[in-house]
PDB file of N, CA and C in Angstrom:
ATOM      1  N   UNK A   1     -10.500  -7.924   9.550  1.00  0.00           N
ATOM      2  CA  UNK A   1     -10.134  -7.121  10.286  1.00  0.00           C
ATOM      3  C   UNK A   1     -10.817  -7.188  11.988  1.00  0.00           C
ATOM      4  N   UNK A   2     -10.225  -7.557  12.931  1.00  0.00           N
ATOM      5  CA  UNK A   2     -11.379  -7.865  14.149  1.00  0.00           C
ATOM      6  C   UNK A   2     -10.873  -6.783  14.823  1.00  0.00           C
ATOM      7  N   UNK A   3     -12.191  -6.702  15.871  1.00  0.00           N
ATOM      8  CA  UNK A   3     -12.450  -5.653  17.165  1.00  0.00           C
ATOM      9  C   UNK A   3     -12.083  -6.124  17.826  1.00  0.00           C
ATOM     10  N   UNK A   4     -11.714  -4.980  18.784  1.00  0.00           N
ATOM     11  CA  UNK A   4     -11.052  -4.960  20.066  1.00  0.00           C
ATOM     12  C   UNK A   4     -12.184  -4.008  20.907  1.00  0.00           C
ATOM     13  N   UNK A   5     -12.878  -4.863  21.773  1.00  0.00           N
ATOM     14  CA  UNK A   5     -14.120  -4.042  22.644  1.00  0.00           C
ATOM     15  C   UNK A   5     -13.245  -3.745  24.033  1.00  0.00           C
ATOM     16  N   UNK A   6     -13.027  -2.867  24.100  1.00  0.00           N
ATOM     17  CA  UNK A   6     -12.275  -2.386  25.325  1.00  0.00           C
ATOM     18  C   UNK A   6     -13.858  -2.726  26.615  1.00  0.00           C
ATOM     19  N   UNK A   7     -14.840  -2.685  26.340  1.00  0.00           N
ATOM     20  CA  UNK A   7     -15.657  -2.489  27.436  1.00  0.00           C
ATOM     21  C   UNK A   7     -15.887  -4.301  27.646  1.00  0.00           C
ATOM     22  N   UNK A   8     -15.468  -5.591  27.051  1.00  0.00           N
ATOM     23  CA  UNK A   8     -15.421  -6.588  27.364  1.00  0.00           C
ATOM     24  C   UNK A   8     -15.302  -7.233  28.664  1.00  0.00           C
ATOM     25  N   UNK A   9     -16.090  -8.175  28.681  1.00  0.00           N
ATOM     26  CA  UNK A   9     -15.478  -8.574  30.830  1.00  0.00           C
ATOM     27  C   UNK A   9     -14.711  -9.904  31.105  1.00  0.00           C
ATOM     28  N   UNK A  10     -15.096 -10.626  31.710  1.00  0.00           N
ATOM     29  CA  UNK A  10     -14.280 -11.727  31.975  1.00  0.00           C
ATOM     30  C   UNK A  10     -14.374 -12.790  30.626  1.00  0.00           C
ATOM     31  N   UNK A  11     -15.285 -13.146  30.470  1.00  0.00           N
ATOM     32  CA  UNK A  11     -16.000 -13.410  29.193  1.00  0.00           C
ATOM     33  C   UNK A  11     -15.811 -12.619  27.969  1.00  0.00           C
ATOM     34  N   UNK A  12     -14.499 -13.094  27.236  1.00  0.00           N
ATOM     35  CA  UNK A  12     -14.325 -12.188  25.755  1.00  0.00           C
ATOM     36  C   UNK A  12     -15.941 -12.370  24.656  1.00  0.00           C
ATOM     37  N   UNK A  13     -16.934 -13.303  25.106  1.00  0.00           N
ATOM     38  CA  UNK A  13     -17.856 -13.255  24.297  1.00  0.00           C
ATOM     39  C   UNK A  13     -18.706 -12.497  24.303  1.00  0.00           C
ATOM     40  N   UNK A  14     -18.742 -12.168  25.785  1.00  0.00           N
ATOM     41  CA  UNK A  14     -20.202 -11.219  26.371  1.00  0.00           C
ATOM     42  C   UNK A  14     -19.715  -9.507  26.455  1.00  0.00           C
ATOM     43  N   UNK A  15     -20.288  -8.466  26.519  1.00  0.00           N
ATOM     44  CA  UNK A  15     -19.613  -7.261  26.612  1.00  0.00           C
ATOM     45  C   UNK A  15     -20.633  -7.227  28.190  1.00  0.00           C
ATOM     46  N   UNK A  16     -20.007  -5.994  28.667  1.00  0.00           N
ATOM     47  CA  UNK A  16     -20.227  -5.802  30.243  1.00  0.00           C
ATOM     48  C   UNK A  16     -21.602  -4.973  29.910  1.00  0.00           C
ATOM     49  N   UNK A  17     -22.645  -5.229  29.983  1.00  0.00           N
ATOM     50  CA  UNK A  17     -24.282  -4.583  30.245  1.00  0.00           C
ATOM     51  C   UNK A  17     -24.694  -5.331  28.996  1.00  0.00           C
ATOM     52  N   UNK A  18     -24.745  -5.824  28.293  1.00  0.00           N
ATOM     53  CA  UNK A  18     -24.984  -7.061  27.338  1.00  0.00           C
ATOM     54  C   UNK A  18     -25.109  -6.330  26.017  1.00  0.00           C
ATOM     55  N   UNK A  19     -24.486  -5.526  25.885  1.00  0.00           N
ATOM     56  CA  UNK A  19     -24.845  -4.964  24.140  1.00  0.00           C
ATOM     57  C   UNK A  19     -23.465  -4.013  23.728  1.00  0.00           C
ATOM     58  N   UNK A  20     -23.071  -4.253  22.569  1.00  0.00           N
ATOM     59  CA  UNK A  20     -21.968  -3.717  21.807  1.00  0.00           C
ATOM     60  C   UNK A  20     -21.828  -2.097  22.133  1.00  0.00           C
ATOM     61  N   UNK A  21     -20.876  -1.086  22.685  1.00  0.00           N
ATOM     62  CA  UNK A  21     -20.789   0.417  22.668  1.00  0.00           C
ATOM     63  C   UNK A  21     -21.834   0.775  21.179  1.00  0.00           C
ATOM     64  N   UNK A  22     -22.147   1.793  21.696  1.00  0.00           N
ATOM     65  CA  UNK A  22     -22.515   2.533  20.128  1.00  0.00           C
ATOM     66  C   UNK A  22     -21.477   3.327  20.125  1.00  0.00           C
ATOM     67  N   UNK A  23     -20.753   3.912  20.848  1.00  0.00           N
ATOM     68  CA  UNK A  23     -19.672   5.318  20.601  1.00  0.00           C
ATOM     69  C   UNK A  23     -18.106   4.846  21.200  1.00  0.00           C
ATOM     70  N   UNK A  24     -17.557   5.272  20.539  1.00  0.00           N
ATOM     71  CA  UNK A  24     -15.755   4.461  20.760  1.00  0.00           C
ATOM     72  C   UNK A  24     -15.715   3.627  20.418  1.00  0.00           C
ATOM     73  N   UNK A  25     -16.129   2.782  19.312  1.00  0.00           N
ATOM     74  CA  UNK A  25     -15.477   0.917  19.016  1.00  0.00           C
ATOM     75  C   UNK A  25     -14.662   1.363  18.486  1.00  0.00           C
ATOM     76  N   UNK A  26     -13.427   0.516  18.807  1.00  0.00           N
ATOM     77  CA  UNK A  26     -12.049   0.832  18.081  1.00  0.00           C
ATOM     78  C   UNK A  26     -11.584  -0.202  17.320  1.00  0.00           C
ATOM     79  N   UNK A  27     -11.326  -0.053  15.851  1.00  0.00           N
ATOM     80  CA  UNK A  27     -11.050  -0.976  15.018  1.00  0.00           C
ATOM     81  C   UNK A  27      -9.842  -1.019  14.969  1.00  0.00           C
ATOM     82  N   UNK A  28      -9.148  -2.422  14.644  1.00  0.00           N
ATOM     83  CA  UNK A  28      -7.162  -2.858  14.823  1.00  0.00           C
ATOM     84  C   UNK A  28      -7.592  -3.631  13.261  1.00  0.00           C
ATOM     85  N   UNK A  29      -6.555  -3.192  12.690  1.00  0.00           N
ATOM     86  CA  UNK A  29      -6.126  -3.738  11.161  1.00  0.00           C
ATOM     87  C   UNK A  29      -5.337  -4.666  11.555  1.00  0.00           C
ATOM     88  N   UNK A  30      -5.243  -6.186  11.684  1.00  0.00           N
ATOM     89  CA  UNK A  30      -4.228  -6.901  12.485  1.00  0.00           C
ATOM     90  C   UNK A  30      -3.272  -7.530  10.912  1.00  0.00           C
ATOM     91  N   UNK A  31      -1.743  -7.444  10.952  1.00  0.00           N
ATOM     92  CA  UNK A  31      -1.069  -8.007  10.316  1.00  0.00           C
ATOM     93  C   UNK A  31      -1.047  -9.525  10.503  1.00  0.00           C
ATOM     94  N   UNK A  32      -2.205 -10.320   9.555  1.00  0.00           N
ATOM     95  CA  UNK A  32      -2.231 -11.770   9.247  1.00  0.00           C
ATOM     96  C   UNK A  32      -1.155 -12.769   9.487  1.00  0.00           C
ATOM     97  N   UNK A  33      -1.138 -13.909  10.553  1.00  0.00           N
ATOM     98  CA  UNK A  33      -0.054 -14.894  10.862  1.00  0.00           C
ATOM     99  C   UNK A  33       0.387 -14.487  11.907  1.00  0.00           C
ATOM    100  N   UNK A  34       1.308 -15.655  12.570  1.00  0.00           N
ATOM    101  CA  UNK A  34       1.379 -15.083  13.593  1.00  0.00           C
ATOM    102  C   UNK A  34       3.148 -14.923  13.968  1.00  0.00           C
ATOM    103  N   UNK A  35       3.709 -14.515  14.517  1.00  0.00           N
ATOM    104  CA  UNK A  35       4.749 -14.160  14.692  1.00  0.00           C
ATOM    105  C   UNK A  35       5.347 -14.059  15.985  1.00  0.00           C
ATOM    106  N   UNK A  36       6.865 -14.574  16.381  1.00  0.00           N
ATOM    107  CA  UNK A  36       7.112 -14.397  17.487  1.00  0.00           C
ATOM    108  C   UNK A  36       7.059 -12.892  18.095  1.00  0.00           C
ATOM    109  N   UNK A  37       6.274 -13.376  19.297  1.00  0.00           N
ATOM    110  CA  UNK A  37       6.211 -12.449  20.107  1.00  0.00           C
ATOM    111  C   UNK A  37       7.295 -11.373  21.042  1.00  0.00           C
ATOM    112  N   UNK A  38       8.348 -11.918  20.953  1.00  0.00           N
ATOM    113  CA  UNK A  38       9.545 -11.468  21.677  1.00  0.00           C
ATOM    114  C   UNK A  38      10.270 -10.351  21.176  1.00  0.00           C
ATOM    115  N   UNK A  39      10.308 -10.132  19.462  1.00  0.00           N
ATOM    116  CA  UNK A  39      10.602  -8.838  19.222  1.00  0.00           C
ATOM    117  C   UNK A  39       9.632  -7.862  19.350  1.00  0.00           C
ATOM    118  N   UNK A  40       8.611  -7.656  19.289  1.00  0.00           N
ATOM    119  CA  UNK A  40       7.901  -6.511  19.639  1.00  0.00           C
ATOM    120  C   UNK A  40       7.536  -5.946  20.724  1.00  0.00           C
ATOM    121  N   UNK A  41       7.283  -4.462  20.665  1.00  0.00           N
ATOM    122  CA  UNK A  41       6.772  -4.406  21.788  1.00  0.00           C
ATOM    123  C   UNK A  41       5.682  -4.613  22.222  1.00  0.00           C
ATOM    124  N   UNK A  42       5.164  -4.703  23.552  1.00  0.00           N
ATOM    125  CA  UNK A  42       3.620  -4.866  24.349  1.00  0.00           C
ATOM    126  C   UNK A  42       2.706  -4.364  23.155  1.00  0.00           C
ATOM    127  N   UNK A  43       2.556  -2.912  23.016  1.00  0.00           N
ATOM    128  CA  UNK A  43       1.435  -1.866  22.462  1.00  0.00           C
ATOM    129  C   UNK A  43       1.315  -2.301  21.502  1.00  0.00           C
ATOM    130  N   UNK A  44       2.224  -3.313  20.385  1.00  0.00           N
ATOM    131  CA  UNK A  44       2.260  -3.669  19.223  1.00  0.00           C
ATOM    132  C   UNK A  44       1.486  -5.570  19.037  1.00  0.00           C
ATOM    133  N   UNK A  45       1.556  -5.812  19.862  1.00  0.00           N
ATOM    134  CA  UNK A  45       0.951  -7.217  20.253  1.00  0.00           C
ATOM    135  C   UNK A  45      -0.362  -7.440  20.550  1.00  0.00           C
ATOM    136  N   UNK A  46      -1.056  -7.849  19.747  1.00  0.00           N
ATOM    137  CA  UNK A  46      -2.550  -8.831  20.063  1.00  0.00           C
ATOM    138  C   UNK A  46      -2.833  -9.898  20.314  1.00  0.00           C
ATOM    139  N   UNK A  47      -3.144 -10.643  20.411  1.00  0.00           N
ATOM    140  CA  UNK A  47      -3.808 -11.920  21.106  1.00  0.00           C
ATOM    141  C   UNK A  47      -5.262 -11.831  20.783  1.00  0.00           C
ATOM    142  N   UNK A  48      -5.262 -13.278  20.063  1.00  0.00           N
ATOM    143  CA  UNK A  48      -6.948 -13.221  19.569  1.00  0.00           C
ATOM    144  C   UNK A  48      -7.797 -14.233  20.363  1.00  0.00           C
ATOM    145  N   UNK A  49      -8.436 -14.052  21.086  1.00  0.00           N
ATOM    146  CA  UNK A  49      -9.408 -14.898  22.149  1.00  0.00           C
ATOM    147  C   UNK A  49     -10.485 -14.759  21.929  1.00  0.00           C
ATOM    148  N   UNK A  50     -11.207 -15.530  21.378  1.00  0.00           N
ATOM    149  CA  UNK A  50     -13.192 -15.453  21.115  1.00  0.00           C
ATOM    150  C   UNK A  50     -13.352 -14.691  20.403  1.00  0.00           C
ATOM    151  N   UNK A  51     -12.920 -14.346  19.583  1.00  0.00           N
ATOM    152  CA  UNK A  51     -12.803 -14.048  18.530  1.00  0.00           C
ATOM    153  C   UNK A  51     -12.822 -12.191  18.657  1.00  0.00           C
ATOM    154  N   UNK A  52     -11.991 -11.805  19.409  1.00  0.00           N
ATOM    155  CA  UNK A  52     -11.720 -10.495  19.614  1.00  0.00           C
ATOM    156  C   UNK A  52     -10.202 -10.334  19.821  1.00  0.00           C
ATOM    157  N   UNK A  53      -9.063  -9.114  19.386  1.00  0.00           N
ATOM    158  CA  UNK A  53      -8.311  -8.972  19.670  1.00  0.00           C
ATOM    159  C   UNK A  53      -8.041  -8.311  20.829  1.00  0.00           C
ATOM    160  N   UNK A  54      -7.312  -9.050  21.765  1.00  0.00           N
ATOM    161  CA  UNK A  54      -6.718  -8.290  23.338  1.00  0.00           C
ATOM    162  C   UNK A  54      -5.428  -7.748  23.003  1.00  0.00           C
ATOM    163  N   UNK A  55      -5.108  -6.636  23.560  1.00  0.00           N
ATOM    164  CA  UNK A  55      -3.844  -6.090  23.680  1.00  0.00           C
ATOM    165  C   UNK A  55      -3.109  -6.205  24.504  1.00  0.00           C
ATOM    166  N   UNK A  56      -1.346  -6.584  24.286  1.00  0.00           N
ATOM    167  CA  UNK A  56      -0.423  -6.893  25.144  1.00  0.00           C
ATOM    168  C   UNK A  56      -0.567  -8.585  25.437  1.00  0.00           C
ATOM    169  N   UNK A  57       0.655  -8.465  26.118  1.00  0.00           N
ATOM    170  CA  UNK A  57       1.053 -10.218  26.194  1.00  0.00           C
ATOM    171  C   UNK A  57      -0.233 -11.344  26.919  1.00  0.00           C
ATOM    172  N   UNK A  58      -0.079 -12.165  26.397  1.00  0.00           N
ATOM    173  CA  UNK A  58      -1.334 -13.195  26.912  1.00  0.00           C
ATOM    174  C   UNK A  58      -0.580 -14.402  27.611  1.00  0.00           C
ATOM    175  N   UNK A  59      -1.362 -15.047  28.765  1.00  0.00           N
ATOM    176  CA  UNK A  59      -0.716 -16.122  29.367  1.00  0.00           C
ATOM    177  C   UNK A  59      -0.769 -16.904  28.486  1.00  0.00           C
ATOM    178  N   UNK A  60      -1.448 -17.280  27.449  1.00  0.00           N
ATOM    179  CA  UNK A  60      -1.436 -18.272  26.477  1.00  0.00           C
ATOM    180  C   UNK A  60      -0.601 -18.205  25.041  1.00  0.00           C
ATOM    181  N   UNK A  61      -0.240 -17.538  24.696  1.00  0.00           N
ATOM    182  CA  UNK A  61       0.168 -17.243  23.214  1.00  0.00           C
ATOM    183  C   UNK A  61       1.267 -17.827  23.043  1.00  0.00           C
ATOM    184  N   UNK A  62       1.733 -18.683  23.878  1.00  0.00           N
ATOM    185  CA  UNK A  62       2.929 -19.974  23.387  1.00  0.00           C
ATOM    186  C   UNK A  62       4.369 -19.243  22.764  1.00  0.00           C
ATOM    187  N   UNK A  63       4.456 -17.839  22.752  1.00  0.00           N
ATOM    188  CA  UNK A  63       5.587 -17.060  22.092  1.00  0.00           C
ATOM    189  C   UNK A  63       5.182 -16.476  20.660  1.00  0.00           C
ATOM    190  N   UNK A  64       3.884 -16.640  20.477  1.00  0.00           N
ATOM    191  CA  UNK A  64       3.552 -16.345  18.737  1.00  0.00           C
ATOM    192  C   UNK A  64       1.948 -14.923  19.457  1.00  0.00           C
ATOM    193  N   UNK A  65       2.103 -13.997  18.266  1.00  0.00           N
ATOM    194  CA  UNK A  65       1.300 -13.037  18.158  1.00  0.00           C
ATOM    195  C   UNK A  65       1.050 -12.548  16.968  1.00  0.00           C
ATOM    196  N   UNK A  66      -0.141 -11.723  17.340  1.00  0.00           N
ATOM    197  CA  UNK A  66      -0.628 -10.887  16.024  1.00  0.00           C
ATOM    198  C   UNK A  66       0.127  -9.524  15.873  1.00  0.00           C
ATOM    199  N   UNK A  67       0.517  -9.146  15.282  1.00  0.00           N
ATOM    200  CA  UNK A  67       0.993  -7.981  15.226  1.00  0.00           C
ATOM    201  C   UNK A  67      -0.121  -6.575  14.293  1.00  0.00           C
ATOM    202  N   UNK A  68      -0.105  -5.105  15.272  1.00  0.00           N
ATOM    203  CA  UNK A  68      -1.336  -4.650  15.027  1.00  0.00           C
ATOM    204  C   UNK A  68      -0.646  -4.018  13.598  1.00  0.00           C
ATOM    205  N   UNK A  69      -1.891  -3.533  12.773  1.00  0.00           N
ATOM    206  CA  UNK A  69      -1.514  -3.293  11.521  1.00  0.00           C
ATOM    207  C   UNK A  69      -0.710  -1.561  11.246  1.00  0.00           C
ATOM    208  N   UNK A  70      -0.918  -0.943  12.802  1.00  0.00           N
ATOM    209  CA  UNK A  70      -0.333   0.560  13.014  1.00  0.00           C
ATOM    210  C   UNK A  70       0.848   0.503  13.185  1.00  0.00           C
ATOM    211  N   UNK A  71       1.157  -0.619  13.537  1.00  0.00           N
ATOM    212  CA  UNK A  71       2.306  -0.474  14.412  1.00  0.00           C
ATOM    213  C   UNK A  71       3.672  -0.554  13.254  1.00  0.00           C
ATOM    214  N   UNK A  72       3.551  -0.877  11.710  1.00  0.00           N
ATOM    215  CA  UNK A  72       4.099  -1.359  11.104  1.00  0.00           C
ATOM    216  C   UNK A  72       3.514  -0.595   9.559  1.00  0.00           C
ATOM    217  N   UNK A  73       2.706   0.228   9.554  1.00  0.00           N
ATOM    218  CA  UNK A  73       2.274   0.063   8.189  1.00  0.00           C
ATOM    219  C   UNK A  73       2.786   1.600   7.556  1.00  0.00           C
ATOM    220  N   UNK A  74       3.419   1.243   6.681  1.00  0.00           N
ATOM    221  CA  UNK A  74       4.271   2.855   5.711  1.00  0.00           C
ATOM    222  C   UNK A  74       3.206   3.808   5.320  1.00  0.00           C
ATOM    223  N   UNK A  75       2.173   3.652   5.314  1.00  0.00           N
ATOM    224  CA  UNK A  75       1.101   4.643   4.833  1.00  0.00           C
ATOM    225  C   UNK A  75       1.017   5.826   6.257  1.00  0.00           C
ATOM    226  N   UNK A  76       1.059   5.121   6.862  1.00  0.00           N
ATOM    227  CA  UNK A  76       1.054   5.989   8.905  1.00  0.00           C
ATOM    228  C   UNK A  76       2.571   5.924   9.040  1.00  0.00           C
ATOM    229  N   UNK A  77       3.431   5.447   8.408  1.00  0.00           N
ATOM    230  CA  UNK A  77       5.206   5.544   9.420  1.00  0.00           C
ATOM    231  C   UNK A  77       5.633   6.112   8.005  1.00  0.00           C
ATOM    232  N   UNK A  78       6.111   7.444   7.759  1.00  0.00           N
ATOM    233  CA  UNK A  78       7.097   7.754   6.739  1.00  0.00           C
ATOM    234  C   UNK A  78       8.569   7.241   6.997  1.00  0.00           C
ATOM    235  N   UNK A  79       8.565   6.917   7.905  1.00  0.00           N
ATOM    236  CA  UNK A  79      10.654   6.234   8.437  1.00  0.00           C
ATOM    237  C   UNK A  79       9.673   5.115   8.963  1.00  0.00           C
ATOM    238  N   UNK A  80      10.473   4.406   8.916  1.00  0.00           N
ATOM    239  CA  UNK A  80      10.985   2.499   9.521  1.00  0.00           C
ATOM    240  C   UNK A  80      10.866   3.216  10.726  1.00  0.00           C
ATOM    241  N   UNK A  81       9.641   2.463  11.559  1.00  0.00           N
ATOM    242  CA  UNK A  81       9.578   2.429  12.938  1.00  0.00           C
ATOM    243  C   UNK A  81      10.511   1.965  13.937  1.00  0.00           C
ATOM    244  N   UNK A  82      10.763   2.478  14.937  1.00  0.00           N
ATOM    245  CA  UNK A  82      12.138   2.079  15.361  1.00  0.00           C
ATOM    246  C   UNK A  82      11.675   1.711  17.156  1.00  0.00           C
ATOM    247  N   UNK A  83      10.456   1.264  17.159  1.00  0.00           N
ATOM    248  CA  UNK A  83       9.751   0.818  18.604  1.00  0.00           C
ATOM    249  C   UNK A  83       9.890  -0.744  18.737  1.00  0.00           C
ATOM    250  N   UNK A  84      10.207  -1.261  17.787  1.00  0.00           N
ATOM    251  CA  UNK A  84      10.490  -2.610  17.528  1.00  0.00           C
ATOM    252  C   UNK A  84      11.273  -3.268  16.650  1.00  0.00           C
ATOM    253  N   UNK A  85      12.117  -4.264  16.886  1.00  0.00           N
ATOM    254  CA  UNK A  85      12.515  -4.743  15.879  1.00  0.00           C
ATOM    255  C   UNK A  85      12.059  -5.823  14.872  1.00  0.00           C
ATOM    256  N   UNK A  86      10.564  -6.489  15.152  1.00  0.00           N
ATOM    257  CA  UNK A  86       9.824  -7.142  14.330  1.00  0.00           C
ATOM    258  C   UNK A  86       8.728  -5.928  13.718  1.00  0.00           C
ATOM    259  N   UNK A  87       8.515  -4.280  14.277  1.00  0.00           N
ATOM    260  CA  UNK A  87       7.554  -3.975  13.551  1.00  0.00           C
ATOM    261  C   UNK A  87       8.825  -3.006  12.272  1.00  0.00           C
ATOM    262  N   UNK A  88       9.877  -2.783  12.790  1.00  0.00           N
ATOM    263  CA  UNK A  88      10.752  -2.452  11.655  1.00  0.00           C
ATOM    264  C   UNK A  88      10.701  -3.616  10.445  1.00  0.00           C
ATOM    265  N   UNK A  89      11.268  -4.822  10.494  1.00  0.00           N
ATOM    266  CA  UNK A  89      10.803  -5.910   9.437  1.00  0.00           C
ATOM    267  C   UNK A  89      10.015  -5.637   8.563  1.00  0.00           C
ATOM    268  N   UNK A  90       8.612  -5.644   9.502  1.00  0.00           N
ATOM    269  CA  UNK A  90       7.120  -5.857   9.075  1.00  0.00           C
ATOM    270  C   UNK A  90       7.042  -4.350   7.955  1.00  0.00           C
ATOM    271  N   UNK A  91       7.266  -3.200   8.702  1.00  0.00           N
ATOM    272  CA  UNK A  91       7.858  -2.114   7.859  1.00  0.00           C
ATOM    273  C   UNK A  91       8.027  -2.116   6.521  1.00  0.00           C
ATOM    274  N   UNK A  92       9.441  -2.766   6.397  1.00  0.00           N
ATOM    275  CA  UNK A  92      10.236  -3.001   5.172  1.00  0.00           C
ATOM    276  C   UNK A  92       9.583  -3.515   4.438  1.00  0.00           C
ATOM    277  N   UNK A  93       8.910  -4.949   4.802  1.00  0.00           N
ATOM    278  CA  UNK A  93       8.354  -5.955   4.005  1.00  0.00           C
ATOM    279  C   UNK A  93       6.881  -5.451   3.191  1.00  0.00           C
ATOM    280  N   UNK A  94       6.366  -4.525   3.739  1.00  0.00           N
ATOM    281  CA  UNK A  94       5.304  -3.876   3.516  1.00  0.00           C
ATOM    282  C   UNK A  94       5.141  -3.001   2.570  1.00  0.00           C
ATOM    283  N   UNK A  95       6.475  -2.059   2.695  1.00  0.00           N
ATOM    284  CA  UNK A  95       6.743  -1.459   1.687  1.00  0.00           C
ATOM    285  C   UNK A  95       6.981  -1.805   0.607  1.00  0.00           C
ATOM    286  N   UNK A  96       7.922  -2.992   0.453  1.00  0.00           N
ATOM    287  CA  UNK A  96       8.449  -3.987  -0.729  1.00  0.00           C
ATOM    288  C   UNK A  96       7.095  -4.236  -1.688  1.00  0.00           C
ATOM    289  N   UNK A  97       6.009  -5.059  -0.600  1.00  0.00           N
ATOM    290  CA  UNK A  97       4.892  -5.094  -1.263  1.00  0.00           C
ATOM    291  C   UNK A  97       4.297  -4.163  -2.020  1.00  0.00           C
ATOM    292  N   UNK A  98       4.171  -3.219  -1.261  1.00  0.00           N
ATOM    293  CA  UNK A  98       3.578  -1.896  -2.076  1.00  0.00           C
ATOM    294  C   UNK A  98       4.179  -1.425  -2.780  1.00  0.00           C
ATOM    295  N   UNK A  99       5.623  -1.344  -2.871  1.00  0.00           N
ATOM    296  CA  UNK A  99       6.184  -1.645  -4.295  1.00  0.00           C
ATOM    297  C   UNK A  99       6.399  -2.141  -5.706  1.00  0.00           C
ATOM    298  N   UNK A 100       6.073  -3.865  -5.663  1.00  0.00           N
ATOM    299  CA  UNK A 100       6.058  -4.523  -6.165  1.00  0.00           C
ATOM    300  C   UNK A 100       4.556  -4.380  -7.163  1.00  0.00           C
ATOM    301  N   UNK A 101       3.289  -3.670  -6.285  1.00  0.00           N
ATOM    302  CA  UNK A 101       2.234  -4.085  -6.684  1.00  0.00           C
ATOM    303  C   UNK A 101       1.882  -2.497  -7.797  1.00  0.00           C
ATOM    304  N   UNK A 102       2.618  -1.709  -7.586  1.00  0.00           N
ATOM    305  CA  UNK A 102       2.196  -0.303  -8.501  1.00  0.00           C
ATOM    306  C   UNK A 102       3.110  -0.742  -9.658  1.00  0.00           C
ATOM    307  N   UNK A 103       4.175  -1.752  -9.599  1.00  0.00           N
ATOM    308  CA  UNK A 103       4.899  -1.674 -11.122  1.00  0.00           C
ATOM    309  C   UNK A 103       3.983  -2.494 -11.805  1.00  0.00           C
ATOM    310  N   UNK A 104       3.277  -3.476 -11.540  1.00  0.00           N
ATOM    311  CA  UNK A 104       2.559  -4.596 -12.495  1.00  0.00           C
ATOM    312  C   UNK A 104       1.685  -3.976 -13.099  1.00  0.00           C
ATOM    313  N   UNK A 105       0.741  -4.331 -14.002  1.00  0.00           N
ATOM    314  CA  UNK A 105      -0.405  -4.555 -14.406  1.00  0.00           C
ATOM    315  C   UNK A 105      -0.347  -3.461 -15.807  1.00  0.00           C
ATOM    316  N   UNK A 106       0.567  -2.416 -15.955  1.00  0.00           N
ATOM    317  CA  UNK A 106       0.789  -1.470 -17.173  1.00  0.00           C
ATOM    318  C   UNK A 106       1.708  -1.798 -18.225  1.00  0.00           C
ATOM    319  N   UNK A 107       1.264  -1.876 -19.509  1.00  0.00           N
ATOM    320  CA  UNK A 107       2.201  -2.910 -19.982  1.00  0.00           C
ATOM    321  C   UNK A 107       2.197  -3.157 -20.985  1.00  0.00           C
TER     322      UNK A 107
END
């Protein structure tokens, strides 16, 4: 899990005011691995810089990005999301992974 700190300044390793905000810290669960940035809506793309997940496109993304977990999590979306092709594909992959996980173990 990586944290996105909305109060961060130009240096991503330091926050404005010198400390972590006490309230409204937003945690974003990211899908592990790199994916092509093109098939995803900008709101679903996060780039890691200095250990912080920054939302949206980045000038150094080199065509790859991390995708927000909330964009494609089957427990949050009953139906396949239509915000982007990539989110829909990840949603299906996550559902299949969850289905395989529930079959094993009993027997």
